[in-house]
Amino acid sequence: MSFRRALALAACGLAGGSVLFSAVAVGKQPARGGDAAEPRPGGSAATAAARPAGTGGYWDSNWDRREPLALINLKKKNEETGEEELASRLDHCKAKATRHIFLIRHSQYNLDGRADKDRTLTPLGREQAELTGHRLASLGLKFDQIIHSSMTRATETTEIISKHLPGVKKISTDLLREGAPIEPDPPVSHWKPEAVQYYEDGARIEAAFRNFIHRADAKQEEDSYEIFVCHANVIRYIVCRALQFPPEGWLRMSLNNGSITHLVIRPNGRVALRTLGDTGFMPPDKITRT
């Protein structure tokens, strides 16, 4: 999928939510103090240039561009009411609810399939999806929606999980399809995509992050619980970006098939990782990582 296509998909709001990202998916960001980012020892200049903001060892409170002070025009402050007017406008922009994001990796699938439509779930993969669905249902949460990658293995995983969560709407999106998000550091010898794949996939996956991962809208009154069924590379990149860790470290983590990763985004924009790749609800003989 091309960079232009990825932006078009995000702009259409495939997940039915708000779209909030700039036209440049991943660009060179200034380091703290205004200096250009320098490559770290052992890292390439290209990797340093692609590193998003908020990964320089300090917390960027406006990482999702929804910090209240960033949403109002201070120059238009009412001169008569002064601080009262400012406080009122700030309160109007403040998020009130917490978002719970459950990132589910698809179940085991047929690796011999030549095309995506042939890469269907294996019998074990279907068992894994049943176990994941049962686990999610057992949490007793009121899930708002399931957003899933349009790839076959993610779609089939979603269909099985959704049987355990009747009434929860399902939304398919191309933004969450598997890909190469950013050149990993340190590099690995067994997986070396072409540079153009990072360029195209990276823009799309970054667009997915900006579209789906952010604090709640100010109009949202109650906490929300959302499920995203997608892929290991996408989930690992999202976790790094959400926690403001260097995103090129995404390949240092491993995720089992059918695993659950739980992110919490508070109204003030703080992000916490509750669980990463949990498969403790599966019997040992059902756990795979393919």
C-alpha atoms as a PDB file:
ATOM      1  CA  MET A   1       0.000   0.000   0.000  1.00  0.00           C
ATOM      2  CA  SER A   2       1.421   3.360  -0.997  1.00  0.00           C
ATOM      3  CA  PHE A   3       1.987   6.310   1.320  1.00  0.00           C
ATOM      4  CA  ARG A   4      -0.722   8.320  -0.456  1.00  0.00           C
ATOM      5  CA  ARG A   5      -3.187   5.420  -0.155  1.00  0.00           C
ATOM      6  CA  ALA A   6      -2.420   5.067   3.570  1.00  0.00           C
ATOM      7  CA  LEU A   7      -3.160   8.716   4.164  1.00  0.00           C
ATOM      8  CA  ALA A   8      -6.380   8.469   2.180  1.00  0.00           C
ATOM      9  CA  LEU A   9      -7.509   5.509   4.268  1.00  0.00           C
ATOM     10  CA  ALA A  10      -6.829   7.342   7.503  1.00  0.00           C
ATOM     11  CA  ALA A  11      -8.536  10.486   6.280  1.00  0.00           C
ATOM     12  CA  CYS A  12     -11.684   8.493   5.549  1.00  0.00           C
ATOM     13  CA  GLY A  13     -11.763   7.409   9.215  1.00  0.00           C
ATOM     14  CA  LEU A  14     -12.012   3.679   8.563  1.00  0.00           C
ATOM     15  CA  ALA A  15     -12.409   3.024  12.259  1.00  0.00           C
ATOM     16  CA  GLY A  16     -15.308   5.409  12.534  1.00  0.00           C
ATOM     17  CA  GLY A  17     -13.374   7.570  14.974  1.00  0.00           C
ATOM     18  CA  SER A  18     -11.679  10.905  14.780  1.00  0.00           C
ATOM     19  CA  VAL A  19      -8.627  11.323  12.608  1.00  0.00           C
ATOM     20  CA  LEU A  20      -5.799  13.337  14.050  1.00  0.00           C
ATOM     21  CA  PHE A  21      -2.443  13.146  12.334  1.00  0.00           C
ATOM     22  CA  SER A  22      -0.293  15.289  10.124  1.00  0.00           C
ATOM     23  CA  ALA A  23       0.386  14.617   6.462  1.00  0.00           C
ATOM     24  CA  VAL A  24       3.928  13.525   7.241  1.00  0.00           C
ATOM     25  CA  ALA A  25       3.671  10.182   8.972  1.00  0.00           C
ATOM     26  CA  VAL A  26       7.164   9.936  10.399  1.00  0.00           C
ATOM     27  CA  GLY A  27       9.537  12.811   9.974  1.00  0.00           C
ATOM     28  CA  LYS A  28      12.648  14.279  11.435  1.00  0.00           C
ATOM     29  CA  GLN A  29      11.855  15.817  14.809  1.00  0.00           C
ATOM     30  CA  PRO A  30      13.876  18.333  16.789  1.00  0.00           C
ATOM     31  CA  ALA A  31      15.441  17.095  19.976  1.00  0.00           C
ATOM     32  CA  ARG A  32      14.807  18.846  23.276  1.00  0.00           C
ATOM     33  CA  GLY A  33      16.344  22.266  23.180  1.00  0.00           C
ATOM     34  CA  GLY A  34      15.746  22.680  19.442  1.00  0.00           C
ATOM     35  CA  ASP A  35      18.804  20.846  18.157  1.00  0.00           C
ATOM     36  CA  ALA A  36      18.431  18.335  15.358  1.00  0.00           C
ATOM     37  CA  ALA A  37      18.344  14.710  16.482  1.00  0.00           C
ATOM     38  CA  GLU A  38      21.717  13.032  16.360  1.00  0.00           C
ATOM     39  CA  PRO A  39      22.169   9.343  15.541  1.00  0.00           C
ATOM     40  CA  ARG A  40      22.843   7.210  18.619  1.00  0.00           C
ATOM     41  CA  PRO A  41      26.036   5.150  18.726  1.00  0.00           C
ATOM     42  CA  GLY A  42      25.380   2.071  16.602  1.00  0.00           C
ATOM     43  CA  GLY A  43      22.279   3.590  14.991  1.00  0.00           C
ATOM     44  CA  SER A  44      22.036   4.849  11.454  1.00  0.00           C
ATOM     45  CA  ALA A  45      21.327   8.433  10.465  1.00  0.00           C
ATOM     46  CA  ALA A  46      18.198   7.233   8.655  1.00  0.00           C
ATOM     47  CA  THR A  47      16.900   5.622  11.839  1.00  0.00           C
ATOM     48  CA  ALA A  48      17.526   8.794  13.833  1.00  0.00           C
ATOM     49  CA  ALA A  49      15.729  10.884  11.224  1.00  0.00           C
ATOM     50  CA  ALA A  50      12.680   8.593  11.303  1.00  0.00           C
ATOM     51  CA  ARG A  51      12.378   8.589  15.094  1.00  0.00           C
ATOM     52  CA  PRO A  52       9.136  10.317  16.195  1.00  0.00           C
ATOM     53  CA  ALA A  53       9.046  13.021  18.839  1.00  0.00           C
ATOM     54  CA  GLY A  54       8.659  12.126  22.498  1.00  0.00           C
ATOM     55  CA  THR A  55      11.374   9.452  22.468  1.00  0.00           C
ATOM     56  CA  GLY A  56      14.256  11.474  23.825  1.00  0.00           C
ATOM     57  CA  GLY A  57      14.112  10.415  27.485  1.00  0.00           C
ATOM     58  CA  TYR A  58      11.398  12.834  28.631  1.00  0.00           C
ATOM     59  CA  TRP A  59       7.599  12.672  28.520  1.00  0.00           C
ATOM     60  CA  ASP A  60       5.883  14.706  25.812  1.00  0.00           C
ATOM     61  CA  SER A  61       2.507  15.565  27.369  1.00  0.00           C
ATOM     62  CA  ASN A  62       1.152  16.650  23.982  1.00  0.00           C
ATOM     63  CA  TRP A  63       2.137  13.438  22.209  1.00  0.00           C
ATOM     64  CA  ASP A  64      -1.354  12.979  20.751  1.00  0.00           C
ATOM     65  CA  ARG A  65      -1.848  16.701  19.993  1.00  0.00           C
ATOM     66  CA  ARG A  66      -4.814  16.753  22.416  1.00  0.00           C
ATOM     67  CA  GLU A  67      -3.249  18.599  25.344  1.00  0.00           C
ATOM     68  CA  PRO A  68      -5.856  21.266  26.246  1.00  0.00           C
ATOM     69  CA  LEU A  69      -3.402  24.172  26.113  1.00  0.00           C
ATOM     70  CA  ALA A  70      -2.487  23.157  22.581  1.00  0.00           C
ATOM     71  CA  LEU A  71      -6.124  23.135  21.454  1.00  0.00           C
ATOM     72  CA  ILE A  72      -7.032  26.722  22.312  1.00  0.00           C
ATOM     73  CA  ASN A  73      -5.855  30.032  20.935  1.00  0.00           C
ATOM     74  CA  LEU A  74      -4.401  31.954  23.872  1.00  0.00           C
ATOM     75  CA  LYS A  75      -4.400  35.179  21.832  1.00  0.00           C
ATOM     76  CA  LYS A  76      -8.204  35.193  21.888  1.00  0.00           C
ATOM     77  CA  LYS A  77      -8.445  35.218  25.680  1.00  0.00           C
ATOM     78  CA  ASN A  78     -11.233  37.535  26.845  1.00  0.00           C
ATOM     79  CA  GLU A  79      -9.564  40.588  28.367  1.00  0.00           C
ATOM     80  CA  GLU A  80     -12.423  41.254  30.802  1.00  0.00           C
ATOM     81  CA  THR A  81     -12.808  37.776  32.317  1.00  0.00           C
ATOM     82  CA  GLY A  82      -9.103  36.928  31.993  1.00  0.00           C
ATOM     83  CA  GLU A  83      -8.147  33.727  33.769  1.00  0.00           C
ATOM     84  CA  GLU A  84     -11.771  32.660  34.286  1.00  0.00           C
ATOM     85  CA  GLU A  85     -12.303  32.616  30.544  1.00  0.00           C
ATOM     86  CA  LEU A  86      -9.096  30.665  30.026  1.00  0.00           C
ATOM     87  CA  ALA A  87      -9.984  28.128  32.730  1.00  0.00           C
ATOM     88  CA  SER A  88     -13.426  27.618  31.212  1.00  0.00           C
ATOM     89  CA  ARG A  89     -12.031  27.019  27.748  1.00  0.00           C
ATOM     90  CA  LEU A  90      -9.375  24.661  29.083  1.00  0.00           C
ATOM     91  CA  ASP A  91     -11.995  22.652  30.955  1.00  0.00           C
ATOM     92  CA  HIS A  92     -14.063  22.405  27.770  1.00  0.00           C
ATOM     93  CA  CYS A  93     -11.076  20.786  25.984  1.00  0.00           C
ATOM     94  CA  LYS A  94     -10.082  18.398  28.769  1.00  0.00           C
ATOM     95  CA  ALA A  95     -10.676  14.671  28.397  1.00  0.00           C
ATOM     96  CA  LYS A  96     -12.784  13.166  31.179  1.00  0.00           C
ATOM     97  CA  ALA A  97     -12.700   9.442  30.410  1.00  0.00           C
ATOM     98  CA  THR A  98     -10.054   6.729  30.314  1.00  0.00           C
ATOM     99  CA  ARG A  99      -9.512   4.601  27.221  1.00  0.00           C
ATOM    100  CA  HIS A 100      -8.620   0.923  27.618  1.00  0.00           C
ATOM    101  CA  ILE A 101      -6.967  -0.452  24.485  1.00  0.00           C
ATOM    102  CA  PHE A 102      -6.758  -4.254  24.098  1.00  0.00           C
ATOM    103  CA  LEU A 103      -4.349  -5.219  21.320  1.00  0.00           C
ATOM    104  CA  ILE A 104      -4.839  -8.839  20.225  1.00  0.00           C
ATOM    105  CA  ARG A 105      -2.394 -10.655  17.994  1.00  0.00           C
ATOM    106  CA  HIS A 106      -4.080 -12.950  15.469  1.00  0.00           C
ATOM    107  CA  SER A 107      -3.996 -16.710  16.043  1.00  0.00           C
ATOM    108  CA  GLN A 108      -1.720 -19.246  14.344  1.00  0.00           C
ATOM    109  CA  TYR A 109      -2.232 -19.380  10.593  1.00  0.00           C
ATOM    110  CA  ASN A 110      -1.188 -21.369   7.544  1.00  0.00           C
ATOM    111  CA  LEU A 111       2.299 -20.162   6.649  1.00  0.00           C
ATOM    112  CA  ASP A 112       2.267 -22.037   3.323  1.00  0.00           C
ATOM    113  CA  GLY A 113      -0.442 -19.845   1.810  1.00  0.00           C
ATOM    114  CA  ARG A 114       0.876 -17.900  -1.174  1.00  0.00           C
ATOM    115  CA  ALA A 115      -1.725 -15.139  -1.079  1.00  0.00           C
ATOM    116  CA  ASP A 116      -3.361 -13.511   1.936  1.00  0.00           C
ATOM    117  CA  LYS A 117      -6.674 -15.301   1.272  1.00  0.00           C
ATOM    118  CA  ASP A 118      -4.848 -18.635   1.580  1.00  0.00           C
ATOM    119  CA  ARG A 119      -3.277 -17.776   4.943  1.00  0.00           C
ATOM    120  CA  THR A 120      -6.199 -18.982   6.986  1.00  0.00           C
ATOM    121  CA  LEU A 121      -6.144 -20.048  10.628  1.00  0.00           C
ATOM    122  CA  THR A 122      -4.941 -23.542  11.446  1.00  0.00           C
ATOM    123  CA  PRO A 123      -7.104 -25.807  13.647  1.00  0.00           C
ATOM    124  CA  LEU A 124      -4.853 -24.845  16.564  1.00  0.00           C
ATOM    125  CA  GLY A 125      -5.214 -21.192  15.614  1.00  0.00           C
ATOM    126  CA  ARG A 126      -8.991 -21.494  15.834  1.00  0.00           C
ATOM    127  CA  GLU A 127      -8.638 -23.031  19.297  1.00  0.00           C
ATOM    128  CA  GLN A 128      -6.395 -20.141  20.328  1.00  0.00           C
ATOM    129  CA  ALA A 129      -8.975 -17.600  19.145  1.00  0.00           C
ATOM    130  CA  GLU A 130     -11.669 -19.379  21.162  1.00  0.00           C
ATOM    131  CA  LEU A 131      -9.469 -19.184  24.261  1.00  0.00           C
ATOM    132  CA  THR A 132      -8.750 -15.501  23.682  1.00  0.00           C
ATOM    133  CA  GLY A 133     -12.435 -14.750  23.171  1.00  0.00           C
ATOM    134  CA  HIS A 134     -13.336 -16.620  26.351  1.00  0.00           C
ATOM    135  CA  ARG A 135     -10.682 -14.717  28.283  1.00  0.00           C
ATOM    136  CA  LEU A 136     -11.923 -11.330  27.064  1.00  0.00           C
ATOM    137  CA  ALA A 137     -15.512 -12.244  27.897  1.00  0.00           C
ATOM    138  CA  SER A 138     -14.502 -13.371  31.389  1.00  0.00           C
ATOM    139  CA  LEU A 139     -13.199  -9.873  32.189  1.00  0.00           C
ATOM    140  CA  GLY A 140     -16.793  -8.679  32.460  1.00  0.00           C
ATOM    141  CA  LEU A 141     -16.128  -5.440  30.594  1.00  0.00           C
ATOM    142  CA  LYS A 142     -18.519  -3.596  28.328  1.00  0.00           C
ATOM    143  CA  PHE A 143     -16.490  -3.533  25.122  1.00  0.00           C
ATOM    144  CA  ASP A 144     -17.376  -0.728  22.728  1.00  0.00           C
ATOM    145  CA  GLN A 145     -16.016  -2.109  19.469  1.00  0.00           C
ATOM    146  CA  ILE A 146     -13.609  -4.506  17.780  1.00  0.00           C
ATOM    147  CA  ILE A 147     -11.398  -2.910  15.144  1.00  0.00           C
ATOM    148  CA  HIS A 148      -9.437  -5.433  13.128  1.00  0.00           C
ATOM    149  CA  SER A 149      -6.923  -5.687  10.331  1.00  0.00           C
ATOM    150  CA  SER A 150      -8.433  -6.586   6.965  1.00  0.00           C
ATOM    151  CA  MET A 151      -5.947  -9.454   6.508  1.00  0.00           C
ATOM    152  CA  THR A 152      -7.492 -12.929   6.493  1.00  0.00           C
ATOM    153  CA  ARG A 153      -5.850 -14.238   9.661  1.00  0.00           C
ATOM    154  CA  ALA A 154      -6.944 -11.174  11.666  1.00  0.00           C
ATOM    155  CA  THR A 155     -10.470 -11.258  10.229  1.00  0.00           C
ATOM    156  CA  GLU A 156     -10.921 -14.942  11.082  1.00  0.00           C
ATOM    157  CA  THR A 157      -9.542 -14.383  14.585  1.00  0.00           C
ATOM    158  CA  THR A 158     -12.026 -11.534  15.047  1.00  0.00           C
ATOM    159  CA  GLU A 159     -14.988 -13.637  13.903  1.00  0.00           C
ATOM    160  CA  ILE A 160     -14.214 -16.290  16.504  1.00  0.00           C
ATOM    161  CA  ILE A 161     -13.562 -13.795  19.307  1.00  0.00           C
ATOM    162  CA  SER A 162     -16.755 -11.890  18.519  1.00  0.00           C
ATOM    163  CA  LYS A 163     -18.865 -14.997  19.206  1.00  0.00           C
ATOM    164  CA  HIS A 164     -17.896 -14.568  22.860  1.00  0.00           C
ATOM    165  CA  LEU A 165     -18.799 -10.860  22.784  1.00  0.00           C
ATOM    166  CA  PRO A 166     -22.265 -10.702  21.197  1.00  0.00           C
ATOM    167  CA  GLY A 167     -23.483  -7.292  20.154  1.00  0.00           C
ATOM    168  CA  VAL A 168     -20.036  -5.682  19.930  1.00  0.00           C
ATOM    169  CA  LYS A 169     -19.649  -4.037  16.529  1.00  0.00           C
ATOM    170  CA  LYS A 170     -16.783  -5.047  14.248  1.00  0.00           C
ATOM    171  CA  ILE A 171     -14.895  -2.652  11.970  1.00  0.00           C
ATOM    172  CA  SER A 172     -12.285  -3.653   9.392  1.00  0.00           C
ATOM    173  CA  THR A 173      -9.402  -1.374   8.404  1.00  0.00           C
ATOM    174  CA  ASP A 174      -6.413  -1.627   6.080  1.00  0.00           C
ATOM    175  CA  LEU A 175      -4.378   0.622   8.364  1.00  0.00           C
ATOM    176  CA  LEU A 176      -3.732  -2.247  10.790  1.00  0.00           C
ATOM    177  CA  ARG A 177      -2.418  -4.693   8.185  1.00  0.00           C
ATOM    178  CA  GLU A 178       0.966  -6.278   8.897  1.00  0.00           C
ATOM    179  CA  GLY A 179       4.096  -4.578   7.628  1.00  0.00           C
ATOM    180  CA  ALA A 180       7.535  -3.184   8.365  1.00  0.00           C
ATOM    181  CA  PRO A 181       7.006  -0.192  10.685  1.00  0.00           C
ATOM    182  CA  ILE A 182      10.556   1.105  11.058  1.00  0.00           C
ATOM    183  CA  GLU A 183      14.078  -0.270  10.657  1.00  0.00           C
ATOM    184  CA  PRO A 184      14.803  -2.205  13.877  1.00  0.00           C
ATOM    185  CA  ASP A 185      17.800  -1.437  16.048  1.00  0.00           C
ATOM    186  CA  PRO A 186      19.761  -3.623  16.508  1.00  0.00           C
ATOM    187  CA  PRO A 187      19.170  -5.123  13.065  1.00  0.00           C
ATOM    188  CA  VAL A 188      18.451  -8.824  12.611  1.00  0.00           C
ATOM    189  CA  SER A 189      19.849 -11.106   9.929  1.00  0.00           C
ATOM    190  CA  HIS A 190      16.732 -13.231   9.316  1.00  0.00           C
ATOM    191  CA  TRP A 191      14.403 -10.392   8.340  1.00  0.00           C
ATOM    192  CA  LYS A 192      15.510  -7.600   6.009  1.00  0.00           C
ATOM    193  CA  PRO A 193      12.725  -5.859   4.081  1.00  0.00           C
ATOM    194  CA  GLU A 194      13.569  -3.492   1.256  1.00  0.00           C
ATOM    195  CA  ALA A 195      13.870   0.190   2.172  1.00  0.00           C
ATOM    196  CA  VAL A 196      10.740   1.005   0.179  1.00  0.00           C
ATOM    197  CA  GLN A 197       8.714  -1.344   2.398  1.00  0.00           C
ATOM    198  CA  TYR A 198       9.685   0.630   5.508  1.00  0.00           C
ATOM    199  CA  TYR A 199       8.785   3.824   3.642  1.00  0.00           C
ATOM    200  CA  GLU A 200       5.311   2.635   2.648  1.00  0.00           C
ATOM    201  CA  ASP A 201       4.376   0.406   5.593  1.00  0.00           C
ATOM    202  CA  GLY A 202       5.904   2.745   8.145  1.00  0.00           C
ATOM    203  CA  ALA A 203       3.740   5.656   6.999  1.00  0.00           C
ATOM    204  CA  ARG A 204       0.597   3.530   7.150  1.00  0.00           C
ATOM    205  CA  ILE A 205       1.330   2.023  10.584  1.00  0.00           C
ATOM    206  CA  GLU A 206       2.233   5.426  12.002  1.00  0.00           C
ATOM    207  CA  ALA A 207      -1.062   6.731  10.593  1.00  0.00           C
ATOM    208  CA  ALA A 208      -2.837   3.862  12.388  1.00  0.00           C
ATOM    209  CA  PHE A 209      -1.160   4.851  15.651  1.00  0.00           C
ATOM    210  CA  ARG A 210      -2.168   8.500  15.318  1.00  0.00           C
ATOM    211  CA  ASN A 211      -5.691   7.604  14.271  1.00  0.00           C
ATOM    212  CA  PHE A 212      -6.458   5.036  16.977  1.00  0.00           C
ATOM    213  CA  ILE A 213      -4.129   5.675  19.934  1.00  0.00           C
ATOM    214  CA  HIS A 214      -4.877   8.909  21.778  1.00  0.00           C
ATOM    215  CA  ARG A 215      -6.637  10.171  24.880  1.00  0.00           C
ATOM    216  CA  ALA A 216     -10.447  10.239  24.873  1.00  0.00           C
ATOM    217  CA  ASP A 217     -12.361  13.017  23.166  1.00  0.00           C
ATOM    218  CA  ALA A 218     -13.546  15.751  25.533  1.00  0.00           C
ATOM    219  CA  LYS A 219     -17.153  14.788  24.747  1.00  0.00           C
ATOM    220  CA  GLN A 220     -16.647  11.188  25.946  1.00  0.00           C
ATOM    221  CA  GLU A 221     -18.209  10.853  29.398  1.00  0.00           C
ATOM    222  CA  GLU A 222     -17.573   7.208  30.296  1.00  0.00           C
ATOM    223  CA  ASP A 223     -14.482   5.013  30.164  1.00  0.00           C
ATOM    224  CA  SER A 224     -14.208   2.951  26.989  1.00  0.00           C
ATOM    225  CA  TYR A 225     -12.937  -0.551  26.275  1.00  0.00           C
ATOM    226  CA  GLU A 226     -11.813  -1.226  22.712  1.00  0.00           C
ATOM    227  CA  ILE A 227     -10.310  -4.297  21.075  1.00  0.00           C
ATOM    228  CA  PHE A 228      -7.871  -4.149  18.162  1.00  0.00           C
ATOM    229  CA  VAL A 229      -7.102  -7.443  16.420  1.00  0.00           C
ATOM    230  CA  CYS A 230      -4.000  -7.116  14.291  1.00  0.00           C
ATOM    231  CA  HIS A 231      -0.375  -8.229  14.009  1.00  0.00           C
ATOM    232  CA  ALA A 232       2.818  -8.565  16.021  1.00  0.00           C
ATOM    233  CA  ASN A 233       4.799  -5.863  14.218  1.00  0.00           C
ATOM    234  CA  VAL A 234       1.943  -3.384  14.440  1.00  0.00           C
ATOM    235  CA  ILE A 235       1.298  -4.067  18.125  1.00  0.00           C
ATOM    236  CA  ARG A 236       4.959  -3.839  19.114  1.00  0.00           C
ATOM    237  CA  TYR A 237       5.376  -0.556  17.266  1.00  0.00           C
ATOM    238  CA  ILE A 238       2.217   0.871  18.865  1.00  0.00           C
ATOM    239  CA  VAL A 239       3.436  -0.101  22.346  1.00  0.00           C
ATOM    240  CA  CYS A 240       6.776   1.620  21.799  1.00  0.00           C
ATOM    241  CA  ARG A 241       5.120   4.764  20.444  1.00  0.00           C
ATOM    242  CA  ALA A 242       2.469   4.903  23.178  1.00  0.00           C
ATOM    243  CA  LEU A 243       5.060   4.577  25.948  1.00  0.00           C
ATOM    244  CA  GLN A 244       7.375   7.000  24.124  1.00  0.00           C
ATOM    245  CA  PHE A 245      10.123   4.402  23.926  1.00  0.00           C
ATOM    246  CA  PRO A 246      12.422   4.459  20.871  1.00  0.00           C
ATOM    247  CA  PRO A 247      10.179   2.890  18.200  1.00  0.00           C
ATOM    248  CA  GLU A 248      13.102   1.177  16.481  1.00  0.00           C
ATOM    249  CA  GLY A 249      13.214  -1.133  19.538  1.00  0.00           C
ATOM    250  CA  TRP A 250       9.942  -2.831  18.551  1.00  0.00           C
ATOM    251  CA  LEU A 251      11.655  -6.057  17.449  1.00  0.00           C
ATOM    252  CA  ARG A 252      13.167  -6.586  20.906  1.00  0.00           C
ATOM    253  CA  MET A 253       9.767  -7.883  22.061  1.00  0.00           C
ATOM    254  CA  SER A 254       7.989 -11.134  21.175  1.00  0.00           C
ATOM    255  CA  LEU A 255       4.253 -11.816  21.116  1.00  0.00           C
ATOM    256  CA  ASN A 256       2.468 -15.153  21.125  1.00  0.00           C
ATOM    257  CA  ASN A 257      -0.457 -15.915  18.846  1.00  0.00           C
ATOM    258  CA  GLY A 258      -3.759 -14.853  20.376  1.00  0.00           C
ATOM    259  CA  SER A 259      -2.001 -12.812  23.063  1.00  0.00           C
ATOM    260  CA  ILE A 260      -3.535  -9.828  24.832  1.00  0.00           C
ATOM    261  CA  THR A 261      -1.722  -6.515  25.308  1.00  0.00           C
ATOM    262  CA  HIS A 262      -3.539  -3.926  27.434  1.00  0.00           C
ATOM    263  CA  LEU A 263      -2.777  -0.188  27.213  1.00  0.00           C
ATOM    264  CA  VAL A 264      -4.482   2.426  29.383  1.00  0.00           C
ATOM    265  CA  ILE A 265      -4.696   6.082  28.299  1.00  0.00           C
ATOM    266  CA  ARG A 266      -5.727   8.448  31.091  1.00  0.00           C
ATOM    267  CA  PRO A 267      -7.569  11.755  30.560  1.00  0.00           C
ATOM    268  CA  ASN A 268      -4.330  13.672  31.208  1.00  0.00           C
ATOM    269  CA  GLY A 269      -2.601  11.774  28.397  1.00  0.00           C
ATOM    270  CA  ARG A 270      -0.513   9.513  30.627  1.00  0.00           C
ATOM    271  CA  VAL A 271      -0.155   5.987  29.230  1.00  0.00           C
ATOM    272  CA  ALA A 272       0.346   2.757  31.154  1.00  0.00           C
ATOM    273  CA  LEU A 273       1.005  -0.781  29.951  1.00  0.00           C
ATOM    274  CA  ARG A 274      -1.085  -3.207  32.005  1.00  0.00           C
ATOM    275  CA  THR A 275      -0.098  -6.397  30.184  1.00  0.00           C
ATOM    276  CA  LEU A 276       2.168  -7.249  27.256  1.00  0.00           C
ATOM    277  CA  GLY A 277       1.477 -10.370  25.188  1.00  0.00           C
ATOM    278  CA  ASP A 278      -0.464 -12.224  27.877  1.00  0.00           C
ATOM    279  CA  THR A 279      -1.261 -15.865  27.067  1.00  0.00           C
ATOM    280  CA  GLY A 280      -1.397 -17.145  30.635  1.00  0.00           C
ATOM    281  CA  PHE A 281      -5.008 -18.172  30.009  1.00  0.00           C
ATOM    282  CA  MET A 282      -3.882 -20.771  27.415  1.00  0.00           C
ATOM    283  CA  PRO A 283      -2.655 -24.281  28.221  1.00  0.00           C
ATOM    284  CA  PRO A 284       1.090 -24.565  27.493  1.00  0.00           C
ATOM    285  CA  ASP A 285       0.511 -26.950  24.583  1.00  0.00           C
ATOM    286  CA  LYS A 286      -1.700 -24.351  22.842  1.00  0.00           C
ATOM    287  CA  ILE A 287       0.877 -21.536  22.856  1.00  0.00           C
ATOM    288  CA  THR A 288       2.688 -20.660  19.613  1.00  0.00           C
ATOM    289  CA  ARG A 289       4.574 -17.687  18.224  1.00  0.00           C
ATOM    290  CA  THR A 290       4.435 -18.017  14.429  1.00  0.00           C
END
